[in-house]
């Protein structure tokens, strides 16, 4: 056991315990989920135990919180006595998905492949009893990542989207959600409820046909009549699944229902759920054209971005413009051709939408280079002259190494 003391003030009366309570010797006083009814009951425990303890090995969330508390004390140069006396308090225990996501960010870089697998498992089984808590966790992680590491988040998701076939649907949903959250929060400055709704709607817009999307990504021929019938009703079917899980948010449900046929025009003239649906539809177009299928090549990122920039009447779309403002013309994770005739990958957005931070991956002769070099695209000799499709760059890049350069 790895026991640490717990302040008695941290116990919330009438609420299930998020951990087991033990004596200093490890004897169990109350199991996880036990409800301490009142102060008298707590005083009886204290009379028996003297002090309350929890086992960090049984409580990984509390373990991370406690280590974060100790790290803060060390960074503040507290005395050895203060550090040794540190106790777990309710304030250090994350209670919401967003708080847990914030804490996880401090414990190390995100495992993008694990997130991709988790998203796939979640969206392929929307009838699961724990669907909503797992969805809340995934959404919270994306919210935190897009705020704390927006460029790395876009880089990782575009990296996967441009290559992924077997987990196409979940990867697509993650990318669309991240792009929408960025545009809604940082460019359009929507309120928290609308930003949350756009992220969750983007993640769940296709839950009624997740497996079908994955099949279609690897299918050579055109969709069959049966597949087309499923596609035709998938928006309403996805809404039905969400409602059966207890979702009642009109913004979330309304956006899912309209995400393939939202109204066009000025966002200010639309109802809130229509605005959300419009942003999702624009991001959906971008992500779909960026992603390959067995039956088609993926477009270069800048070309895919332009497809979302204009509406059906070839006018600038306000929603598409918000996406480009948020991501840049050449988003992180995309390949570009430089005036030097080198091919580079975009690492980070720049001061303008056309001057991102890039790193060369192919030399002037189109050969992989041994040492990746960062280029300043605001300089004439290294300015971007075009976008390059992922299929045209025959080089294997290590995601972790590239993310470390951002």
Protein backbone atom coordinates (compact mmCIF):
# COMPACT_ATOMS: atom_id res chain seq x y z
CA UNK A 1 0.00 0.00 0.00
CA UNK A 2 0.98 3.63 -0.58
CA UNK A 3 -0.97 5.49 2.09
CA UNK A 4 -1.25 9.26 2.40
CA UNK A 5 -3.24 11.27 4.96
CA UNK A 6 -6.53 12.88 4.00
CA UNK A 7 -7.92 15.98 5.63
CA UNK A 8 -11.24 15.19 7.27
CA UNK A 9 -12.65 18.46 5.88
CA UNK A 10 -12.44 16.89 2.42
CA UNK A 11 -15.25 14.46 3.17
CA UNK A 12 -18.55 15.62 1.66
CA UNK A 13 -21.50 14.49 3.71
CA UNK A 14 -24.24 12.72 1.78
CA UNK A 15 -22.02 11.99 -1.24
CA UNK A 16 -20.40 8.66 -2.24
CA UNK A 17 -16.71 8.50 -1.37
CA UNK A 18 -14.47 8.63 -4.48
CA UNK A 19 -11.94 6.41 -2.67
CA UNK A 20 -11.72 3.97 0.23
CA UNK A 21 -10.88 5.32 3.70
CA UNK A 22 -8.23 3.54 5.77
CA UNK A 23 -6.42 3.88 9.07
CA UNK A 24 -2.73 4.77 9.19
CA UNK A 25 -2.00 1.03 9.34
CA UNK A 26 -4.14 0.33 6.25
CA UNK A 27 -7.22 -1.10 7.94
CA UNK A 28 -10.34 -0.42 5.86
CA UNK A 29 -12.74 2.05 7.46
CA UNK A 30 -15.11 2.70 4.54
CA UNK A 31 -15.11 1.36 1.01
CA UNK A 32 -15.25 3.48 -2.14
CA UNK A 33 -18.84 4.58 -2.75
CA UNK A 34 -19.75 4.56 0.94
CA UNK A 35 -21.83 7.61 1.97
CA UNK A 36 -20.76 9.41 5.15
CA UNK A 37 -24.10 10.79 6.29
CA UNK A 38 -23.09 13.46 8.82
CA UNK A 39 -20.40 14.92 11.06
CA UNK A 40 -21.24 12.52 13.90
CA UNK A 41 -20.51 9.50 11.70
CA UNK A 42 -17.22 11.04 10.56
CA UNK A 43 -16.22 11.81 14.18
CA UNK A 44 -16.80 8.16 15.06
CA UNK A 45 -14.38 7.12 12.29
CA UNK A 46 -11.80 9.64 13.50
CA UNK A 47 -12.17 8.41 17.07
CA UNK A 48 -11.41 4.92 15.84
CA UNK A 49 -8.62 5.75 13.41
CA UNK A 50 -7.09 8.99 14.65
CA UNK A 51 -6.33 10.08 11.08
CA UNK A 52 -7.83 9.17 7.72
CA UNK A 53 -5.73 7.78 4.87
CA UNK A 54 -6.24 6.69 1.26
CA UNK A 55 -4.21 4.21 -0.77
CA UNK A 56 -2.81 5.87 -3.89
CA UNK A 57 -2.47 2.48 -5.59
CA UNK A 58 -6.26 2.15 -5.41
CA UNK A 59 -6.88 5.74 -6.52
CA UNK A 60 -4.91 6.76 -9.65
CA UNK A 61 -6.75 10.10 -10.01
CA UNK A 62 -5.94 11.02 -6.43
CA UNK A 63 -2.35 9.84 -6.93
CA UNK A 64 -1.86 12.22 -9.85
CA UNK A 65 -3.47 15.02 -7.88
CA UNK A 66 -1.24 14.41 -4.87
CA UNK A 67 1.92 14.35 -7.00
CA UNK A 68 0.80 17.61 -8.61
CA UNK A 69 0.36 19.10 -5.12
CA UNK A 70 3.88 18.02 -4.12
CA UNK A 71 5.30 19.35 -7.38
CA UNK A 72 3.72 22.75 -6.67
CA UNK A 73 5.21 22.82 -3.17
CA UNK A 74 8.67 22.00 -4.51
CA UNK A 75 8.45 24.66 -7.24
CA UNK A 76 7.38 27.19 -4.60
CA UNK A 77 10.48 26.18 -2.58
CA UNK A 78 8.48 25.27 0.51
CA UNK A 79 10.30 23.77 3.50
CA UNK A 80 10.87 20.04 3.87
CA UNK A 81 8.44 20.09 6.78
CA UNK A 82 5.69 21.66 4.69
CA UNK A 83 6.21 19.15 1.90
CA UNK A 84 6.23 16.22 4.31
CA UNK A 85 3.03 17.48 5.91
CA UNK A 86 1.18 17.72 2.60
CA UNK A 87 -2.23 16.09 2.77
CA UNK A 88 -4.81 15.27 0.17
CA UNK A 89 -7.63 17.82 0.13
CA UNK A 90 -10.85 17.95 -1.80
CA UNK A 91 -9.49 20.89 -3.80
CA UNK A 92 -6.78 18.71 -5.35
CA UNK A 93 -9.13 15.94 -6.42
CA UNK A 94 -10.50 16.54 -9.93
CA UNK A 95 -14.26 16.06 -10.04
CA UNK A 96 -15.26 17.00 -13.60
CA UNK A 97 -14.05 15.59 -16.95
CA UNK A 98 -12.52 18.99 -17.72
CA UNK A 99 -10.59 19.08 -14.43
CA UNK A 100 -9.32 15.53 -14.99
CA UNK A 101 -8.26 16.45 -18.51
CA UNK A 102 -6.41 19.51 -17.22
CA UNK A 103 -4.59 17.35 -14.67
CA UNK A 104 -3.70 14.68 -17.23
CA UNK A 105 -2.10 17.36 -19.41
CA UNK A 106 0.36 18.11 -16.62
CA UNK A 107 1.34 14.47 -16.18
CA UNK A 108 2.74 14.04 -19.71
CA UNK A 109 2.06 14.42 -23.43
CA UNK A 110 -1.15 12.93 -24.81
CA UNK A 111 -1.09 9.43 -26.28
CA UNK A 112 -2.66 10.22 -29.64
CA UNK A 113 -2.90 6.62 -30.84
CA UNK A 114 -4.58 5.59 -27.60
CA UNK A 115 -7.07 8.43 -28.00
CA UNK A 116 -7.76 7.33 -31.57
CA UNK A 117 -8.43 3.75 -30.43
CA UNK A 118 -10.59 4.95 -27.55
CA UNK A 119 -12.64 7.18 -29.82
CA UNK A 120 -13.20 4.29 -32.24
CA UNK A 121 -14.37 1.96 -29.45
CA UNK A 122 -16.66 4.67 -28.10
CA UNK A 123 -18.34 5.60 -31.39
CA UNK A 124 -18.77 2.01 -32.57
CA UNK A 125 -20.80 1.16 -29.46
CA UNK A 126 -23.10 4.14 -28.78
CA UNK A 127 -25.58 1.95 -26.88
CA UNK A 128 -23.06 1.21 -24.09
CA UNK A 129 -24.20 2.12 -20.58
CA UNK A 130 -21.13 4.30 -19.98
CA UNK A 131 -21.25 6.02 -23.38
CA UNK A 132 -21.91 9.56 -22.09
CA UNK A 133 -19.20 9.59 -19.36
CA UNK A 134 -16.64 8.33 -21.88
CA UNK A 135 -17.79 10.87 -24.43
CA UNK A 136 -17.54 13.65 -21.83
CA UNK A 137 -13.97 12.57 -21.09
CA UNK A 138 -13.00 12.54 -24.76
CA UNK A 139 -14.60 15.93 -25.38
CA UNK A 140 -12.93 17.42 -22.30
CA UNK A 141 -9.53 16.20 -23.49
CA UNK A 142 -10.04 17.80 -26.89
CA UNK A 143 -11.17 21.04 -25.26
CA UNK A 144 -8.07 21.21 -23.10
CA UNK A 145 -5.70 20.17 -25.88
CA UNK A 146 -7.06 22.72 -28.35
CA UNK A 147 -6.58 25.43 -25.75
CA UNK A 148 -3.17 24.42 -24.38
CA UNK A 149 -1.58 22.83 -27.46
CA UNK A 150 -3.64 23.92 -30.49
CA UNK A 151 -0.87 23.48 -33.07
CA UNK A 152 0.23 20.08 -31.77
CA UNK A 153 -3.41 18.97 -31.66
CA UNK A 154 -4.03 19.95 -35.27
CA UNK A 155 -0.71 18.42 -36.35
CA UNK A 156 -1.46 15.05 -34.75
CA UNK A 157 -5.05 14.83 -36.00
CA UNK A 158 -4.20 15.90 -39.57
CA UNK A 159 -1.29 13.45 -39.51
CA UNK A 160 -3.69 10.61 -38.66
CA UNK A 161 -6.53 11.80 -40.90
CA UNK A 162 -4.29 11.90 -43.98
CA UNK A 163 -3.26 8.27 -43.46
CA UNK A 164 -6.04 6.47 -41.60
CA UNK A 165 -8.38 3.96 -43.24
CA UNK A 166 -9.30 1.37 -40.62
CA UNK A 167 -10.41 3.96 -38.03
CA UNK A 168 -11.60 6.56 -40.51
CA UNK A 169 -14.84 7.57 -38.77
CA UNK A 170 -13.43 8.26 -35.31
CA UNK A 171 -10.34 10.01 -36.68
CA UNK A 172 -12.60 12.15 -38.86
CA UNK A 173 -14.80 13.01 -35.88
CA UNK A 174 -11.83 13.98 -33.72
CA UNK A 175 -10.45 16.29 -36.39
CA UNK A 176 -13.80 17.93 -37.14
CA UNK A 177 -14.45 18.45 -33.43
CA UNK A 178 -11.03 19.99 -32.79
CA UNK A 179 -11.33 22.34 -35.77
CA UNK A 180 -14.84 23.40 -34.75
CA UNK A 181 -13.84 24.03 -31.14
CA UNK A 182 -10.93 26.21 -32.28
CA UNK A 183 -13.06 28.23 -34.69
CA UNK A 184 -16.02 28.61 -32.32
CA UNK A 185 -13.97 29.56 -29.27
CA UNK A 186 -11.01 31.51 -30.64
CA UNK A 187 -12.37 33.09 -33.84
CA UNK A 188 -16.13 33.44 -33.41
CA UNK A 189 -15.93 33.84 -29.61
CA UNK A 190 -19.06 31.82 -28.91
CA UNK A 191 -20.18 31.22 -25.35
CA UNK A 192 -19.22 28.08 -23.45
CA UNK A 193 -22.52 26.29 -24.12
CA UNK A 194 -22.21 26.74 -27.88
CA UNK A 195 -18.53 25.71 -27.92
CA UNK A 196 -19.33 22.57 -25.93
CA UNK A 197 -22.25 21.78 -28.22
CA UNK A 198 -20.24 22.15 -31.41
CA UNK A 199 -17.53 19.82 -30.10
CA UNK A 200 -19.92 17.13 -28.92
CA UNK A 201 -22.09 17.36 -32.02
CA UNK A 202 -19.04 17.01 -34.26
CA UNK A 203 -17.90 13.93 -32.37
CA UNK A 204 -21.31 12.25 -32.53
CA UNK A 205 -22.76 13.39 -35.87
CA UNK A 206 -22.12 9.98 -37.49
CA UNK A 207 -22.52 7.58 -34.55
CA UNK A 208 -25.35 5.72 -36.27
CA UNK A 209 -23.02 4.70 -39.11
CA UNK A 210 -19.52 4.59 -37.60
CA UNK A 211 -18.79 1.07 -38.78
CA UNK A 212 -20.28 1.79 -42.21
CA UNK A 213 -17.98 4.81 -42.60
CA UNK A 214 -15.00 2.64 -41.77
CA UNK A 215 -16.14 0.07 -44.34
CA UNK A 216 -16.66 2.70 -47.04
CA UNK A 217 -13.15 4.07 -46.49
CA UNK A 218 -11.76 0.70 -47.58
CA UNK A 219 -14.41 -0.12 -50.20
CA UNK A 220 -13.36 0.10 -53.86
CA UNK A 221 -16.81 0.33 -55.43
CA UNK A 222 -19.60 2.84 -54.96
CA UNK A 223 -21.95 2.47 -51.98
CA UNK A 224 -24.68 -0.11 -52.41
CA UNK A 225 -28.37 0.77 -52.26
CA UNK A 226 -28.52 -0.51 -48.69
CA UNK A 227 -25.52 1.59 -47.71
CA UNK A 228 -26.99 4.65 -49.39
CA UNK A 229 -30.22 4.16 -47.44
CA UNK A 230 -28.28 4.13 -44.16
CA UNK A 231 -26.36 7.26 -45.15
CA UNK A 232 -29.59 9.05 -46.08
CA UNK A 233 -31.09 8.69 -42.60
CA UNK A 234 -27.94 8.75 -40.47
CA UNK A 235 -28.48 12.27 -39.10
CA UNK A 236 -31.89 11.44 -37.64
CA UNK A 237 -30.66 8.02 -36.55
CA UNK A 238 -27.74 9.61 -34.69
CA UNK A 239 -30.12 11.99 -32.93
CA UNK A 240 -32.25 9.02 -31.90
CA UNK A 241 -29.26 7.22 -30.40
CA UNK A 242 -28.26 10.31 -28.44
CA UNK A 243 -31.79 10.84 -27.13
CA UNK A 244 -31.94 7.23 -25.94
CA UNK A 245 -28.73 7.88 -24.01
CA UNK A 246 -30.38 10.81 -22.28
CA UNK A 247 -29.02 13.73 -24.31
CA UNK A 248 -31.50 16.61 -24.25
CA UNK A 249 -29.37 19.60 -25.25
CA UNK A 250 -31.26 21.27 -28.16
CA UNK A 251 -28.05 22.81 -29.53
CA UNK A 252 -26.26 19.45 -29.66
CA UNK A 253 -29.21 17.50 -31.05
CA UNK A 254 -30.26 20.21 -33.49
CA UNK A 255 -26.75 20.52 -34.91
CA UNK A 256 -26.44 16.75 -35.41
CA UNK A 257 -29.79 16.67 -37.20
CA UNK A 258 -28.79 19.51 -39.57
CA UNK A 259 -25.06 18.89 -40.00
CA UNK A 260 -25.41 17.76 -43.63
CA UNK A 261 -27.99 20.33 -44.70
CA UNK A 262 -27.54 23.49 -42.64
CA UNK A 263 -28.81 26.84 -43.90
CA UNK A 264 -26.35 29.09 -45.70
CA UNK A 265 -25.79 32.81 -45.40
CA UNK A 266 -24.82 35.03 -42.49
CA UNK A 267 -24.27 33.20 -39.21
CA UNK A 268 -25.95 36.05 -37.34
CA UNK A 269 -29.20 35.37 -39.23
CA UNK A 270 -29.34 31.73 -38.12
CA UNK A 271 -30.70 30.05 -35.02
CA UNK A 272 -27.97 28.93 -32.56
CA UNK A 273 -28.18 25.24 -33.52
CA UNK A 274 -28.10 26.20 -37.21
CA UNK A 275 -24.88 28.18 -36.72
CA UNK A 276 -23.33 25.18 -35.02
CA UNK A 277 -24.45 22.88 -37.83
CA UNK A 278 -22.98 25.26 -40.42
CA UNK A 279 -19.54 25.26 -38.80
CA UNK A 280 -19.62 21.47 -38.52
CA UNK A 281 -20.60 21.09 -42.18
CA UNK A 282 -17.71 23.33 -43.29
CA UNK A 283 -15.21 21.41 -41.14
CA UNK A 284 -16.71 18.12 -42.33
CA UNK A 285 -15.97 19.07 -45.94
CA UNK A 286 -12.39 20.01 -45.08
CA UNK A 287 -11.67 16.81 -43.13
CA UNK A 288 -13.35 14.54 -45.70
CA UNK A 289 -11.30 15.93 -48.59
CA UNK A 290 -8.13 15.79 -46.57
CA UNK A 291 -8.62 12.09 -45.78
CA UNK A 292 -7.89 9.30 -48.27
CA UNK A 293 -10.04 6.32 -49.13
CA UNK A 294 -9.18 3.24 -51.12
CA UNK A 295 -11.27 4.66 -53.96
CA UNK A 296 -9.79 8.18 -53.97
CA UNK A 297 -6.68 10.19 -53.20
CA UNK A 298 -6.63 12.74 -50.43
CA UNK A 299 -6.42 16.40 -51.36
CA UNK A 300 -3.59 18.67 -50.15
CA UNK A 301 -4.65 20.42 -46.95
CA UNK A 302 -4.75 23.91 -48.48
CA UNK A 303 -6.97 22.65 -51.32
CA UNK A 304 -9.27 20.90 -48.85
CA UNK A 305 -9.40 24.11 -46.84
CA UNK A 306 -10.43 26.17 -49.88
CA UNK A 307 -13.28 23.71 -50.51
CA UNK A 308 -14.80 24.73 -47.18
CA UNK A 309 -14.16 28.43 -47.79
CA UNK A 310 -16.74 28.87 -50.55
CA UNK A 311 -20.41 27.94 -50.35
CA UNK A 312 -22.53 26.20 -52.99
CA UNK A 313 -22.93 29.49 -54.87
CA UNK A 314 -19.13 30.09 -54.87
CA UNK A 315 -19.38 32.92 -52.37
CA UNK A 316 -17.13 33.24 -49.35
CA UNK A 317 -18.77 31.27 -46.55
CA UNK A 318 -18.62 32.92 -43.14
CA UNK A 319 -18.24 29.58 -41.39
CA UNK A 320 -15.48 28.45 -43.74
CA UNK A 321 -13.70 31.78 -43.28
CA UNK A 322 -13.77 31.24 -39.50
CA UNK A 323 -12.08 27.86 -39.97
CA UNK A 324 -9.28 29.34 -42.07
CA UNK A 325 -8.78 32.16 -39.57
CA UNK A 326 -8.48 29.57 -36.79
CA UNK A 327 -6.23 27.10 -38.62
CA UNK A 328 -4.35 29.16 -41.19
CA UNK A 329 -4.27 28.57 -44.94
CA UNK A 330 -1.66 25.86 -44.36
CA UNK A 331 -2.62 24.12 -41.10
CA UNK A 332 -0.14 22.20 -38.92
CA UNK A 333 0.48 18.70 -40.24
CA UNK A 334 0.14 19.67 -43.91
CA UNK A 335 2.93 19.65 -46.51
CA UNK A 336 4.01 22.66 -48.57
CA UNK A 337 6.45 23.53 -51.34
CA UNK A 338 8.87 26.37 -50.62
CA UNK A 339 10.40 28.90 -53.02
CA UNK A 340 13.71 27.09 -52.40
CA UNK A 341 12.10 24.02 -54.06
CA UNK A 342 12.26 22.16 -50.75
CA UNK A 343 9.25 20.30 -49.38
CA UNK A 344 8.37 21.07 -45.77
CA UNK A 345 5.79 20.12 -43.19
CA UNK A 346 3.89 22.81 -41.30
CA UNK A 347 4.63 22.69 -37.57
CA UNK A 348 2.88 25.74 -36.22
CA UNK A 349 0.67 28.60 -37.32
CA UNK A 350 2.50 31.86 -37.95
CA UNK A 351 1.77 35.55 -37.52
CA UNK A 352 -0.27 35.40 -40.72
CA UNK A 353 -2.25 32.57 -42.31
CA UNK A 354 0.39 32.12 -45.04
CA UNK A 355 3.59 32.29 -42.97
CA UNK A 356 3.57 29.26 -40.66
CA UNK A 357 6.60 27.68 -39.00
CA UNK A 358 7.73 24.75 -41.17
CA UNK A 359 10.41 22.06 -41.18
CA UNK A 360 12.01 20.71 -44.37
CA UNK A 361 11.59 16.99 -45.06
CA UNK A 362 12.69 16.78 -48.74
CA UNK A 363 15.60 18.65 -50.29
CA UNK A 364 15.65 20.52 -53.61
CA UNK A 365 16.07 17.24 -55.46
CA UNK A 366 13.05 15.70 -53.72
CA UNK A 367 15.15 13.38 -51.55
CA UNK A 368 14.64 12.88 -47.80
CA UNK A 369 17.07 14.95 -45.79
CA UNK A 370 19.09 13.61 -42.89
CA UNK A 371 18.59 16.58 -40.59
CA UNK A 372 15.24 18.37 -40.49
CA UNK A 373 15.71 22.13 -40.68
CA UNK A 374 13.19 24.77 -39.57
CA UNK A 375 12.49 27.45 -42.20
CA UNK A 376 11.10 30.96 -41.83
CA UNK A 377 8.36 31.24 -44.45
CA UNK A 378 8.15 35.00 -44.01
CA UNK A 379 11.49 35.21 -45.86
CA UNK A 380 11.28 35.47 -49.65
CA UNK A 381 13.64 32.57 -50.26
CA UNK A 382 11.51 30.24 -48.13
CA UNK A 383 8.01 31.54 -48.80
CA UNK A 384 5.31 28.97 -49.50
CA UNK A 385 4.53 28.61 -53.20
CA UNK A 386 2.10 25.71 -53.06
CA UNK A 387 0.45 22.92 -51.12
CA UNK A 388 1.62 19.29 -51.40
CA UNK A 389 -0.50 16.16 -50.95
CA UNK A 390 0.57 13.65 -48.32
CA UNK A 391 0.78 10.89 -50.94
CA UNK A 392 3.50 12.85 -52.78
CA UNK A 393 5.84 12.92 -49.79
CA UNK A 394 7.53 9.53 -49.59
CA UNK A 395 9.00 9.86 -46.16
CA UNK A 396 8.13 8.34 -42.79
CA UNK A 397 7.98 10.91 -40.02
CA UNK A 398 7.99 10.05 -36.33
CA UNK A 399 5.01 11.83 -34.80
CA UNK A 400 6.59 12.26 -31.36
CA UNK A 401 9.71 13.78 -32.86
CA UNK A 402 7.73 16.24 -34.95
CA UNK A 403 5.47 17.25 -32.05
CA UNK A 404 8.56 17.98 -29.97
CA UNK A 405 9.59 20.60 -32.58
CA UNK A 406 6.36 22.59 -32.31
